[in-house]
């Protein structure tokens, strides 16, 4: 996954590389290379597509996997806002629940 993700990034297919990079976080051989690359890709894509709920959802998942639930909560909250504005109740509910879980993990409001 990691090597394919790097190829996709070189081809300018950053969104297609995200799930591959995210999967690479689970491998001890690629996590050190994938994590910083993934965070940089999120930074670039979120600046280009700030209202993309899928992108915020992927970022939330990555931050959860990386043990950073406070950042995950921020992305879930933003995704829920976007989904609500788009009238997608299922998406909004999923991200609202994800937000609540991440807040609990982060110990925010305790």
Foldseek 3Di string as FASTA:
>chain_A
DVVVLVVCVVVVNLVVSLVVLLVQCVDPVCVVVSVVVNVVSLVVVCVVCVLDLVSLQSVLSSCVSVLNLVSSLVSLCSSLVSCVVVVNVVSNVVSVVSNVVSCVSVVPPD
